[in-house]
């Protein structure tokens, strides 16, 4: 769905929209509507490796963005034990432990990790 509206936001059907897949936590008003991305539990990309989520109060149209620590090192060890291959394992380690998208090594082209 694409969030677009006229200057007054009149043709938007809802007061609160929840989006995802960007791995960036945010809450903001767009055309008078609340737009929320709760963030990412396992692969944050904003430099904060804690699990991100949001609590939305639909009656007041408010939101509280929250973070909580979890044992990311344990998750990485479990991925290693599962035999997740490189370069995927290395990329996941960076995301879980540092909360950022890893840089692509020089000479590696195309695709995503």
PDB file of N, CA and C in Angstrom:
ATOM      1  N   UNK A   1       0.840  -1.158   0.000  1.00  0.00           N
ATOM      2  CA  UNK A   1       0.000   0.000   0.000  1.00  0.00           C
ATOM      3  C   UNK A   1       0.897   1.236   0.000  1.00  0.00           C
ATOM      4  N   UNK A   2       0.502   2.221  -0.717  1.00  0.00           N
ATOM      5  CA  UNK A   2       1.231   3.476  -0.745  1.00  0.00           C
ATOM      6  C   UNK A   2       0.443   4.509   0.023  1.00  0.00           C
ATOM      7  N   UNK A   3       1.089   5.175   0.969  1.00  0.00           N
ATOM      8  CA  UNK A   3       0.410   6.184   1.778  1.00  0.00           C
ATOM      9  C   UNK A   3       0.492   7.507   1.041  1.00  0.00           C
ATOM     10  N   UNK A   4      -0.604   7.889   0.418  1.00  0.00           N
ATOM     11  CA  UNK A   4      -0.642   9.162  -0.282  1.00  0.00           C
ATOM     12  C   UNK A   4      -2.029   9.756  -0.106  1.00  0.00           C
ATOM     13  N   UNK A   5      -2.057  11.046  -0.105  1.00  0.00           N
ATOM     14  CA  UNK A   5      -3.331  11.722   0.078  1.00  0.00           C
ATOM     15  C   UNK A   5      -3.212  13.141  -0.425  1.00  0.00           C
ATOM     16  N   UNK A   6      -4.349  13.793  -0.510  1.00  0.00           N
ATOM     17  CA  UNK A   6      -4.342  15.213  -0.849  1.00  0.00           C
ATOM     18  C   UNK A   6      -3.806  16.006   0.323  1.00  0.00           C
ATOM     19  N   UNK A   7      -3.768  17.309   0.207  1.00  0.00           N
ATOM     20  CA  UNK A   7      -3.195  18.152   1.258  1.00  0.00           C
ATOM     21  C   UNK A   7      -3.831  17.944   2.626  1.00  0.00           C
ATOM     22  N   UNK A   8      -5.085  17.568   2.669  1.00  0.00           N
ATOM     23  CA  UNK A   8      -5.776  17.372   3.938  1.00  0.00           C
ATOM     24  C   UNK A   8      -5.736  15.925   4.396  1.00  0.00           C
ATOM     25  N   UNK A   9      -5.216  15.024   3.586  1.00  0.00           N
ATOM     26  CA  UNK A   9      -5.176  13.612   3.945  1.00  0.00           C
ATOM     27  C   UNK A   9      -6.546  12.973   3.918  1.00  0.00           C
ATOM     28  N   UNK A  10      -7.488  13.605   3.234  1.00  0.00           N
ATOM     29  CA  UNK A  10      -8.877  13.188   3.264  1.00  0.00           C
ATOM     30  C   UNK A  10      -9.170  11.821   2.692  1.00  0.00           C
ATOM     31  N   UNK A  11      -8.372  11.345   1.764  1.00  0.00           N
ATOM     32  CA  UNK A  11      -8.704  10.054   1.171  1.00  0.00           C
ATOM     33  C   UNK A  11      -7.965   8.890   1.820  1.00  0.00           C
ATOM     34  N   UNK A  12      -7.392   9.098   2.986  1.00  0.00           N
ATOM     35  CA  UNK A  12      -6.789   8.002   3.747  1.00  0.00           C
ATOM     36  C   UNK A  12      -7.873   7.350   4.589  1.00  0.00           C
ATOM     37  N   UNK A  13      -7.930   6.041   4.570  1.00  0.00           N
ATOM     38  CA  UNK A  13      -9.034   5.312   5.201  1.00  0.00           C
ATOM     39  C   UNK A  13      -8.887   5.146   6.707  1.00  0.00           C
ATOM     40  N   UNK A  14      -7.645   5.192   7.244  1.00  0.00           N
ATOM     41  CA  UNK A  14      -7.428   4.868   8.654  1.00  0.00           C
ATOM     42  C   UNK A  14      -6.696   5.988   9.377  1.00  0.00           C
ATOM     43  N   UNK A  15      -6.802   5.990  10.697  1.00  0.00           N
ATOM     44  CA  UNK A  15      -6.119   6.980  11.520  1.00  0.00           C
ATOM     45  C   UNK A  15      -4.716   6.540  11.909  1.00  0.00           C
ATOM     46  N   UNK A  16      -4.476   5.223  11.931  1.00  0.00           N
ATOM     47  CA  UNK A  16      -3.172   4.670  12.315  1.00  0.00           C
ATOM     48  C   UNK A  16      -2.737   3.666  11.243  1.00  0.00           C
ATOM     49  N   UNK A  17      -1.499   3.811  10.789  1.00  0.00           N
ATOM     50  CA  UNK A  17      -0.910   2.877   9.828  1.00  0.00           C
ATOM     51  C   UNK A  17       0.345   2.284  10.447  1.00  0.00           C
ATOM     52  N   UNK A  18       0.494   0.966  10.364  1.00  0.00           N
ATOM     53  CA  UNK A  18       1.687   0.283  10.861  1.00  0.00           C
ATOM     54  C   UNK A  18       2.375  -0.342   9.651  1.00  0.00           C
ATOM     55  N   UNK A  19       3.648   0.003   9.475  1.00  0.00           N
ATOM     56  CA  UNK A  19       4.424  -0.483   8.337  1.00  0.00           C
ATOM     57  C   UNK A  19       5.645  -1.231   8.848  1.00  0.00           C
ATOM     58  N   UNK A  20       6.364  -1.877   7.952  1.00  0.00           N
ATOM     59  CA  UNK A  20       7.533  -2.608   8.384  1.00  0.00           C
ATOM     60  C   UNK A  20       8.490  -2.876   7.248  1.00  0.00           C
ATOM     61  N   UNK A  21       9.393  -3.784   7.486  1.00  0.00           N
ATOM     62  CA  UNK A  21      10.377  -4.287   6.546  1.00  0.00           C
ATOM     63  C   UNK A  21      11.567  -3.358   6.340  1.00  0.00           C
ATOM     64  N   UNK A  22      11.571  -2.172   6.924  1.00  0.00           N
ATOM     65  CA  UNK A  22      12.721  -1.277   6.765  1.00  0.00           C
ATOM     66  C   UNK A  22      13.750  -1.500   7.861  1.00  0.00           C
ATOM     67  N   UNK A  23      13.343  -2.101   8.956  1.00  0.00           N
ATOM     68  CA  UNK A  23      14.207  -2.360  10.105  1.00  0.00           C
ATOM     69  C   UNK A  23      14.599  -1.074  10.839  1.00  0.00           C
ATOM     70  N   UNK A  24      13.890   0.016  10.574  1.00  0.00           N
ATOM     71  CA  UNK A  24      14.123   1.291  11.261  1.00  0.00           C
ATOM     72  C   UNK A  24      12.872   1.647  12.050  1.00  0.00           C
ATOM     73  N   UNK A  25      13.041   1.851  13.347  1.00  0.00           N
ATOM     74  CA  UNK A  25      11.918   2.164  14.223  1.00  0.00           C
ATOM     75  C   UNK A  25      11.590   3.658  14.128  1.00  0.00           C
ATOM     76  N   UNK A  26      10.300   3.969  13.942  1.00  0.00           N
ATOM     77  CA  UNK A  26       9.895   5.375  13.958  1.00  0.00           C
ATOM     78  C   UNK A  26       8.395   5.490  14.172  1.00  0.00           C
ATOM     79  N   UNK A  27       7.994   6.679  14.571  1.00  0.00           N
ATOM     80  CA  UNK A  27       6.582   7.046  14.654  1.00  0.00           C
ATOM     81  C   UNK A  27       6.500   8.517  14.271  1.00  0.00           C
ATOM     82  N   UNK A  28       5.591   8.817  13.357  1.00  0.00           N
ATOM     83  CA  UNK A  28       5.431  10.213  12.952  1.00  0.00           C
ATOM     84  C   UNK A  28       4.025  10.427  12.412  1.00  0.00           C
ATOM     85  N   UNK A  29       3.658  11.680  12.321  1.00  0.00           N
ATOM     86  CA  UNK A  29       2.365  12.055  11.752  1.00  0.00           C
ATOM     87  C   UNK A  29       2.556  12.405  10.280  1.00  0.00           C
ATOM     88  N   UNK A  30       1.697  11.835   9.451  1.00  0.00           N
ATOM     89  CA  UNK A  30       1.698  12.120   8.021  1.00  0.00           C
ATOM     90  C   UNK A  30       0.257  12.437   7.642  1.00  0.00           C
ATOM     91  N   UNK A  31       0.017  13.608   7.108  1.00  0.00           N
ATOM     92  CA  UNK A  31      -1.338  14.040   6.766  1.00  0.00           C
ATOM     93  C   UNK A  31      -2.292  13.874   7.947  1.00  0.00           C
ATOM     94  N   UNK A  32      -1.801  14.095   9.146  1.00  0.00           N
ATOM     95  CA  UNK A  32      -2.635  13.981  10.339  1.00  0.00           C
ATOM     96  C   UNK A  32      -2.872  12.563  10.817  1.00  0.00           C
ATOM     97  N   UNK A  33      -2.308  11.583  10.113  1.00  0.00           N
ATOM     98  CA  UNK A  33      -2.454  10.186  10.519  1.00  0.00           C
ATOM     99  C   UNK A  33      -1.173   9.731  11.203  1.00  0.00           C
ATOM    100  N   UNK A  34      -1.288   8.742  12.080  1.00  0.00           N
ATOM    101  CA  UNK A  34      -0.129   8.194  12.773  1.00  0.00           C
ATOM    102  C   UNK A  34       0.473   7.082  11.924  1.00  0.00           C
ATOM    103  N   UNK A  35       1.755   7.209  11.602  1.00  0.00           N
ATOM    104  CA  UNK A  35       2.492   6.219  10.822  1.00  0.00           C
ATOM    105  C   UNK A  35       3.570   5.634  11.721  1.00  0.00           C
ATOM    106  N   UNK A  36       3.539   4.305  11.920  1.00  0.00           N
ATOM    107  CA  UNK A  36       4.434   3.647  12.877  1.00  0.00           C
ATOM    108  C   UNK A  36       5.172   2.494  12.203  1.00  0.00           C
ATOM    109  N   UNK A  37       6.468   2.437  12.425  1.00  0.00           N
ATOM    110  CA  UNK A  37       7.252   1.244  12.107  1.00  0.00           C
ATOM    111  C   UNK A  37       7.815   0.793  13.442  1.00  0.00           C
ATOM    112  N   UNK A  38       7.379  -0.364  13.958  1.00  0.00           N
ATOM    113  CA  UNK A  38       7.827  -0.799  15.281  1.00  0.00           C
ATOM    114  C   UNK A  38       9.300  -1.171  15.340  1.00  0.00           C
ATOM    115  N   UNK A  39       9.955  -1.309  14.188  1.00  0.00           N
ATOM    116  CA  UNK A  39      11.376  -1.652  14.178  1.00  0.00           C
ATOM    117  C   UNK A  39      11.575  -3.128  13.911  1.00  0.00           C
ATOM    118  N   UNK A  40      12.691  -3.640  14.378  1.00  0.00           N
ATOM    119  CA  UNK A  40      13.042  -5.032  14.106  1.00  0.00           C
ATOM    120  C   UNK A  40      13.453  -5.733  15.388  1.00  0.00           C
ATOM    121  N   UNK A  41      12.955  -6.923  15.573  1.00  0.00           N
ATOM    122  CA  UNK A  41      13.335  -7.702  16.747  1.00  0.00           C
ATOM    123  C   UNK A  41      14.724  -8.297  16.578  1.00  0.00           C
ATOM    124  N   UNK A  42      15.061  -8.754  15.377  1.00  0.00           N
ATOM    125  CA  UNK A  42      16.325  -9.456  15.217  1.00  0.00           C
ATOM    126  C   UNK A  42      17.332  -8.830  14.287  1.00  0.00           C
ATOM    127  N   UNK A  43      16.916  -7.917  13.442  1.00  0.00           N
ATOM    128  CA  UNK A  43      17.862  -7.354  12.489  1.00  0.00           C
ATOM    129  C   UNK A  43      17.732  -5.833  12.398  1.00  0.00           C
ATOM    130  N   UNK A  44      17.897  -5.122  13.514  1.00  0.00           N
ATOM    131  CA  UNK A  44      17.812  -3.664  13.438  1.00  0.00           C
ATOM    132  C   UNK A  44      18.940  -3.117  12.567  1.00  0.00           C
ATOM    133  N   UNK A  45      18.681  -1.989  11.942  1.00  0.00           N
ATOM    134  CA  UNK A  45      19.676  -1.400  11.043  1.00  0.00           C
ATOM    135  C   UNK A  45      20.003   0.032  11.440  1.00  0.00           C
ATOM    136  N   UNK A  46      19.608   0.415  12.641  1.00  0.00           N
ATOM    137  CA  UNK A  46      19.791   1.807  13.064  1.00  0.00           C
ATOM    138  C   UNK A  46      20.881   1.993  14.109  1.00  0.00           C
ATOM    139  N   UNK A  47      21.728   0.985  14.296  1.00  0.00           N
ATOM    140  CA  UNK A  47      22.840   1.109  15.232  1.00  0.00           C
ATOM    141  C   UNK A  47      22.530   0.717  16.657  1.00  0.00           C
ATOM    142  N   UNK A  48      21.301   0.322  16.944  1.00  0.00           N
ATOM    143  CA  UNK A  48      20.907  -0.119  18.281  1.00  0.00           C
ATOM    144  C   UNK A  48      20.516  -1.590  18.187  1.00  0.00           C
ATOM    145  N   UNK A  49      21.351  -2.510  18.691  1.00  0.00           N
ATOM    146  CA  UNK A  49      21.090  -3.942  18.500  1.00  0.00           C
ATOM    147  C   UNK A  49      19.972  -4.530  19.356  1.00  0.00           C
ATOM    148  N   UNK A  50      19.387  -3.746  20.239  1.00  0.00           N
ATOM    149  CA  UNK A  50      18.296  -4.286  21.052  1.00  0.00           C
ATOM    150  C   UNK A  50      17.061  -4.538  20.194  1.00  0.00           C
ATOM    151  N   UNK A  51      16.227  -5.464  20.620  1.00  0.00           N
ATOM    152  CA  UNK A  51      14.978  -5.743  19.928  1.00  0.00           C
ATOM    153  C   UNK A  51      14.069  -4.526  20.034  1.00  0.00           C
ATOM    154  N   UNK A  52      13.444  -4.169  18.936  1.00  0.00           N
ATOM    155  CA  UNK A  52      12.574  -2.986  18.892  1.00  0.00           C
ATOM    156  C   UNK A  52      11.123  -3.412  18.709  1.00  0.00           C
ATOM    157  N   UNK A  53      10.241  -2.690  19.393  1.00  0.00           N
ATOM    158  CA  UNK A  53       8.809  -2.918  19.201  1.00  0.00           C
ATOM    159  C   UNK A  53       8.061  -1.658  19.587  1.00  0.00           C
ATOM    160  N   UNK A  54       6.768  -1.634  19.332  1.00  0.00           N
ATOM    161  CA  UNK A  54       5.955  -0.456  19.626  1.00  0.00           C
ATOM    162  C   UNK A  54       4.688  -0.874  20.350  1.00  0.00           C
ATOM    163  N   UNK A  55       4.236  -0.025  21.259  1.00  0.00           N
ATOM    164  CA  UNK A  55       2.948  -0.198  21.919  1.00  0.00           C
ATOM    165  C   UNK A  55       2.071   0.954  21.426  1.00  0.00           C
ATOM    166  N   UNK A  56       0.977   0.597  20.765  1.00  0.00           N
ATOM    167  CA  UNK A  56       0.108   1.602  20.165  1.00  0.00           C
ATOM    168  C   UNK A  56      -1.178   1.714  20.965  1.00  0.00           C
ATOM    169  N   UNK A  57      -1.515   2.932  21.349  1.00  0.00           N
ATOM    170  CA  UNK A  57      -2.767   3.223  22.039  1.00  0.00           C
ATOM    171  C   UNK A  57      -3.741   3.730  20.978  1.00  0.00           C
ATOM    172  N   UNK A  58      -4.640   2.874  20.517  1.00  0.00           N
ATOM    173  CA  UNK A  58      -5.536   3.248  19.434  1.00  0.00           C
ATOM    174  C   UNK A  58      -6.607   4.246  19.867  1.00  0.00           C
ATOM    175  N   UNK A  59      -6.927   4.280  21.153  1.00  0.00           N
ATOM    176  CA  UNK A  59      -7.941   5.233  21.611  1.00  0.00           C
ATOM    177  C   UNK A  59      -7.419   6.658  21.588  1.00  0.00           C
ATOM    178  N   UNK A  60      -6.171   6.833  21.994  1.00  0.00           N
ATOM    179  CA  UNK A  60      -5.564   8.174  22.003  1.00  0.00           C
ATOM    180  C   UNK A  60      -4.711   8.429  20.767  1.00  0.00           C
ATOM    181  N   UNK A  61      -4.574   7.409  19.906  1.00  0.00           N
ATOM    182  CA  UNK A  61      -3.723   7.483  18.722  1.00  0.00           C
ATOM    183  C   UNK A  61      -2.307   7.901  19.098  1.00  0.00           C
ATOM    184  N   UNK A  62      -1.795   7.256  20.132  1.00  0.00           N
ATOM    185  CA  UNK A  62      -0.433   7.504  20.581  1.00  0.00           C
ATOM    186  C   UNK A  62       0.386   6.237  20.454  1.00  0.00           C
ATOM    187  N   UNK A  63       1.697   6.395  20.542  1.00  0.00           N
ATOM    188  CA  UNK A  63       2.590   5.248  20.405  1.00  0.00           C
ATOM    189  C   UNK A  63       3.784   5.427  21.325  1.00  0.00           C
ATOM    190  N   UNK A  64       4.234   4.319  21.888  1.00  0.00           N
ATOM    191  CA  UNK A  64       5.455   4.299  22.685  1.00  0.00           C
ATOM    192  C   UNK A  64       6.420   3.332  22.011  1.00  0.00           C
ATOM    193  N   UNK A  65       7.554   3.860  21.557  1.00  0.00           N
ATOM    194  CA  UNK A  65       8.576   3.015  20.934  1.00  0.00           C
ATOM    195  C   UNK A  65       9.453   2.456  22.041  1.00  0.00           C
ATOM    196  N   UNK A  66       9.665   1.149  22.010  1.00  0.00           N
ATOM    197  CA  UNK A  66      10.415   0.495  23.083  1.00  0.00           C
ATOM    198  C   UNK A  66      11.559  -0.345  22.516  1.00  0.00           C
ATOM    199  N   UNK A  67      12.563  -0.582  23.375  1.00  0.00           N
ATOM    200  CA  UNK A  67      13.698  -1.461  23.065  1.00  0.00           C
ATOM    201  C   UNK A  67      13.936  -2.357  24.267  1.00  0.00           C
ATOM    202  N   UNK A  68      14.394  -3.576  23.992  1.00  0.00           N
ATOM    203  CA  UNK A  68      14.703  -4.505  25.062  1.00  0.00           C
ATOM    204  C   UNK A  68      15.928  -5.328  24.657  1.00  0.00           C
ATOM    205  N   UNK A  69      16.809  -5.539  25.623  1.00  0.00           N
ATOM    206  CA  UNK A  69      17.995  -6.359  25.358  1.00  0.00           C
ATOM    207  C   UNK A  69      17.603  -7.833  25.300  1.00  0.00           C
ATOM    208  N   UNK A  70      18.299  -8.570  24.477  1.00  0.00           N
ATOM    209  CA  UNK A  70      18.139 -10.025  24.425  1.00  0.00           C
ATOM    210  C   UNK A  70      19.516 -10.613  24.152  1.00  0.00           C
ATOM    211  N   UNK A  71      19.652 -11.906  24.297  1.00  0.00           N
ATOM    212  CA  UNK A  71      20.948 -12.567  24.178  1.00  0.00           C
ATOM    213  C   UNK A  71      21.294 -12.799  22.707  1.00  0.00           C
ATOM    214  N   UNK A  72      21.739 -11.745  22.026  1.00  0.00           N
ATOM    215  CA  UNK A  72      22.079 -11.826  20.610  1.00  0.00           C
ATOM    216  C   UNK A  72      23.276 -12.745  20.384  1.00  0.00           C
ATOM    217  N   UNK A  73      24.201 -12.777  21.326  1.00  0.00           N
ATOM    218  CA  UNK A  73      25.362 -13.667  21.181  1.00  0.00           C
ATOM    219  C   UNK A  73      24.915 -15.130  21.146  1.00  0.00           C
ATOM    220  N   UNK A  74      23.926 -15.461  21.933  1.00  0.00           N
ATOM    221  CA  UNK A  74      23.394 -16.829  21.915  1.00  0.00           C
ATOM    222  C   UNK A  74      22.763 -17.152  20.558  1.00  0.00           C
ATOM    223  N   UNK A  75      22.044 -16.189  20.006  1.00  0.00           N
ATOM    224  CA  UNK A  75      21.425 -16.383  18.697  1.00  0.00           C
ATOM    225  C   UNK A  75      22.509 -16.640  17.647  1.00  0.00           C
ATOM    226  N   UNK A  76      23.592 -15.854  17.695  1.00  0.00           N
ATOM    227  CA  UNK A  76      24.689 -16.043  16.741  1.00  0.00           C
ATOM    228  C   UNK A  76      25.301 -17.430  16.894  1.00  0.00           C
ATOM    229  N   UNK A  77      25.509 -17.868  18.130  1.00  0.00           N
ATOM    230  CA  UNK A  77      26.071 -19.209  18.350  1.00  0.00           C
ATOM    231  C   UNK A  77      25.148 -20.297  17.804  1.00  0.00           C
ATOM    232  N   UNK A  78      23.849 -20.098  17.943  1.00  0.00           N
ATOM    233  CA  UNK A  78      22.901 -21.071  17.415  1.00  0.00           C
ATOM    234  C   UNK A  78      22.923 -21.091  15.890  1.00  0.00           C
ATOM    235  N   UNK A  79      23.103 -19.932  15.277  1.00  0.00           N
ATOM    236  CA  UNK A  79      23.215 -19.880  13.816  1.00  0.00           C
ATOM    237  C   UNK A  79      24.476 -20.594  13.347  1.00  0.00           C
ATOM    238  N   UNK A  80      25.566 -20.398  14.081  1.00  0.00           N
ATOM    239  CA  UNK A  80      26.815 -21.100  13.758  1.00  0.00           C
ATOM    240  C   UNK A  80      26.609 -22.609  13.861  1.00  0.00           C
ATOM    241  N   UNK A  81      25.933 -23.047  14.922  1.00  0.00           N
ATOM    242  CA  UNK A  81      25.688 -24.477  15.129  1.00  0.00           C
ATOM    243  C   UNK A  81      24.797 -25.057  14.033  1.00  0.00           C
ATOM    244  N   UNK A  82      23.925 -24.241  13.487  1.00  0.00           N
ATOM    245  CA  UNK A  82      23.058 -24.695  12.397  1.00  0.00           C
ATOM    246  C   UNK A  82      23.811 -24.801  11.075  1.00  0.00           C
ATOM    247  N   UNK A  83      25.003 -24.208  11.030  1.00  0.00           N
ATOM    248  CA  UNK A  83      25.798 -24.268   9.809  1.00  0.00           C
ATOM    249  C   UNK A  83      25.408 -23.244   8.764  1.00  0.00           C
ATOM    250  N   UNK A  84      24.884 -22.099   9.200  1.00  0.00           N
ATOM    251  CA  UNK A  84      24.554 -21.045   8.239  1.00  0.00           C
ATOM    252  C   UNK A  84      25.842 -20.640   7.524  1.00  0.00           C
ATOM    253  N   UNK A  85      25.837 -20.675   6.209  1.00  0.00           N
ATOM    254  CA  UNK A  85      27.067 -20.417   5.459  1.00  0.00           C
ATOM    255  C   UNK A  85      27.420 -18.928   5.354  1.00  0.00           C
ATOM    256  N   UNK A  86      28.688 -18.668   5.079  1.00  0.00           N
ATOM    257  CA  UNK A  86      29.125 -17.319   4.752  1.00  0.00           C
ATOM    258  C   UNK A  86      28.693 -17.041   3.308  1.00  0.00           C
ATOM    259  N   UNK A  87      28.438 -15.816   2.949  1.00  0.00           N
ATOM    260  CA  UNK A  87      28.616 -14.599   3.721  1.00  0.00           C
ATOM    261  C   UNK A  87      27.426 -14.264   4.605  1.00  0.00           C
ATOM    262  N   UNK A  88      26.382 -15.109   4.581  1.00  0.00           N
ATOM    263  CA  UNK A  88      25.163 -14.826   5.340  1.00  0.00           C
ATOM    264  C   UNK A  88      25.416 -14.781   6.840  1.00  0.00           C
ATOM    265  N   UNK A  89      26.194 -15.731   7.344  1.00  0.00           N
ATOM    266  CA  UNK A  89      26.473 -15.765   8.775  1.00  0.00           C
ATOM    267  C   UNK A  89      27.178 -14.490   9.217  1.00  0.00           C
ATOM    268  N   UNK A  90      28.173 -14.066   8.481  1.00  0.00           N
ATOM    269  CA  UNK A  90      28.899 -12.842   8.834  1.00  0.00           C
ATOM    270  C   UNK A  90      27.997 -11.625   8.843  1.00  0.00           C
ATOM    271  N   UNK A  91      27.118 -11.536   7.854  1.00  0.00           N
ATOM    272  CA  UNK A  91      26.192 -10.406   7.783  1.00  0.00           C
ATOM    273  C   UNK A  91      25.221 -10.425   8.955  1.00  0.00           C
ATOM    274  N   UNK A  92      24.699 -11.608   9.277  1.00  0.00           N
ATOM    275  CA  UNK A  92      23.773 -11.715  10.405  1.00  0.00           C
ATOM    276  C   UNK A  92      24.452 -11.362  11.723  1.00  0.00           C
ATOM    277  N   UNK A  93      25.703 -11.768  11.895  1.00  0.00           N
ATOM    278  CA  UNK A  93      26.445 -11.423  13.109  1.00  0.00           C
ATOM    279  C   UNK A  93      26.500  -9.914  13.289  1.00  0.00           C
ATOM    280  N   UNK A  94      26.839  -9.203  12.213  1.00  0.00           N
ATOM    281  CA  UNK A  94      26.932  -7.740  12.289  1.00  0.00           C
ATOM    282  C   UNK A  94      25.581  -7.138  12.661  1.00  0.00           C
ATOM    283  N   UNK A  95      24.508  -7.607  12.020  1.00  0.00           N
ATOM    284  CA  UNK A  95      23.180  -7.053  12.310  1.00  0.00           C
ATOM    285  C   UNK A  95      22.742  -7.353  13.735  1.00  0.00           C
ATOM    286  N   UNK A  96      22.921  -8.604  14.184  1.00  0.00           N
ATOM    287  CA  UNK A  96      22.480  -8.967  15.533  1.00  0.00           C
ATOM    288  C   UNK A  96      23.300  -8.279  16.619  1.00  0.00           C
ATOM    289  N   UNK A  97      24.603  -8.202  16.433  1.00  0.00           N
ATOM    290  CA  UNK A  97      25.479  -7.705  17.500  1.00  0.00           C
ATOM    291  C   UNK A  97      25.713  -6.198  17.454  1.00  0.00           C
ATOM    292  N   UNK A  98      25.638  -5.605  16.261  1.00  0.00           N
ATOM    293  CA  UNK A  98      25.913  -4.172  16.139  1.00  0.00           C
ATOM    294  C   UNK A  98      24.702  -3.345  15.734  1.00  0.00           C
ATOM    295  N   UNK A  99      23.693  -3.999  15.200  1.00  0.00           N
ATOM    296  CA  UNK A  99      22.475  -3.288  14.813  1.00  0.00           C
ATOM    297  C   UNK A  99      22.622  -2.456  13.555  1.00  0.00           C
ATOM    298  N   UNK A 100      23.543  -2.849  12.673  1.00  0.00           N
ATOM    299  CA  UNK A 100      23.736  -2.117  11.417  1.00  0.00           C
ATOM    300  C   UNK A 100      23.827  -3.111  10.263  1.00  0.00           C
ATOM    301  N   UNK A 101      23.639  -2.604   9.060  1.00  0.00           N
ATOM    302  CA  UNK A 101      23.816  -3.404   7.863  1.00  0.00           C
ATOM    303  C   UNK A 101      25.302  -3.484   7.553  1.00  0.00           C
ATOM    304  N   UNK A 102      25.829  -4.682   7.332  1.00  0.00           N
ATOM    305  CA  UNK A 102      27.260  -4.801   7.047  1.00  0.00           C
ATOM    306  C   UNK A 102      27.614  -4.201   5.696  1.00  0.00           C
ATOM    307  N   UNK A 103      28.815  -3.682   5.627  1.00  0.00           N
ATOM    308  CA  UNK A 103      29.314  -3.173   4.341  1.00  0.00           C
ATOM    309  C   UNK A 103      29.678  -4.347   3.461  1.00  0.00           C
ATOM    310  N   UNK A 104      29.446  -4.194   2.182  1.00  0.00           N
ATOM    311  CA  UNK A 104      29.792  -5.237   1.223  1.00  0.00           C
ATOM    312  C   UNK A 104      31.308  -5.214   1.016  1.00  0.00           C
ATOM    313  N   UNK A 105      31.963  -6.356   1.143  1.00  0.00           N
ATOM    314  CA  UNK A 105      33.421  -6.400   0.924  1.00  0.00           C
ATOM    315  C   UNK A 105      33.775  -5.956  -0.494  1.00  0.00           C
ATOM    316  N   UNK A 106      34.917  -5.316  -0.636  1.00  0.00           N
ATOM    317  CA  UNK A 106      35.367  -4.873  -1.941  1.00  0.00           C
ATOM    318  C   UNK A 106      35.450  -6.048  -2.910  1.00  0.00           C
ATOM    319  N   UNK A 107      34.996  -5.846  -4.126  1.00  0.00           N
ATOM    320  CA  UNK A 107      35.055  -6.889  -5.132  1.00  0.00           C
ATOM    321  C   UNK A 107      33.808  -7.752  -5.182  1.00  0.00           C
ATOM    322  N   UNK A 108      32.925  -7.666  -4.159  1.00  0.00           N
ATOM    323  CA  UNK A 108      31.690  -8.439  -4.158  1.00  0.00           C
ATOM    324  C   UNK A 108      30.624  -7.599  -4.829  1.00  0.00           C
ATOM    325  N   UNK A 109      29.919  -8.164  -5.810  1.00  0.00           N
ATOM    326  CA  UNK A 109      28.922  -7.417  -6.543  1.00  0.00           C
ATOM    327  C   UNK A 109      27.559  -8.082  -6.441  1.00  0.00           C
ATOM    328  N   UNK A 110      26.533  -7.248  -6.621  1.00  0.00           N
ATOM    329  CA  UNK A 110      25.167  -7.739  -6.743  1.00  0.00           C
ATOM    330  C   UNK A 110      24.655  -8.450  -5.516  1.00  0.00           C
ATOM    331  N   UNK A 111      23.373  -8.772  -5.576  1.00  0.00           N
ATOM    332  CA  UNK A 111      22.727  -9.514  -4.496  1.00  0.00           C
ATOM    333  C   UNK A 111      22.689  -8.750  -3.202  1.00  0.00           C
ATOM    334  N   UNK A 112      22.086  -9.345  -2.225  1.00  0.00           N
ATOM    335  CA  UNK A 112      22.054  -8.750  -0.897  1.00  0.00           C
ATOM    336  C   UNK A 112      22.314  -9.831   0.123  1.00  0.00           C
ATOM    337  N   UNK A 113      22.797  -9.412   1.259  1.00  0.00           N
ATOM    338  CA  UNK A 113      23.072 -10.355   2.333  1.00  0.00           C
ATOM    339  C   UNK A 113      22.212 -10.042   3.516  1.00  0.00           C
TER     340      UNK A 113
END
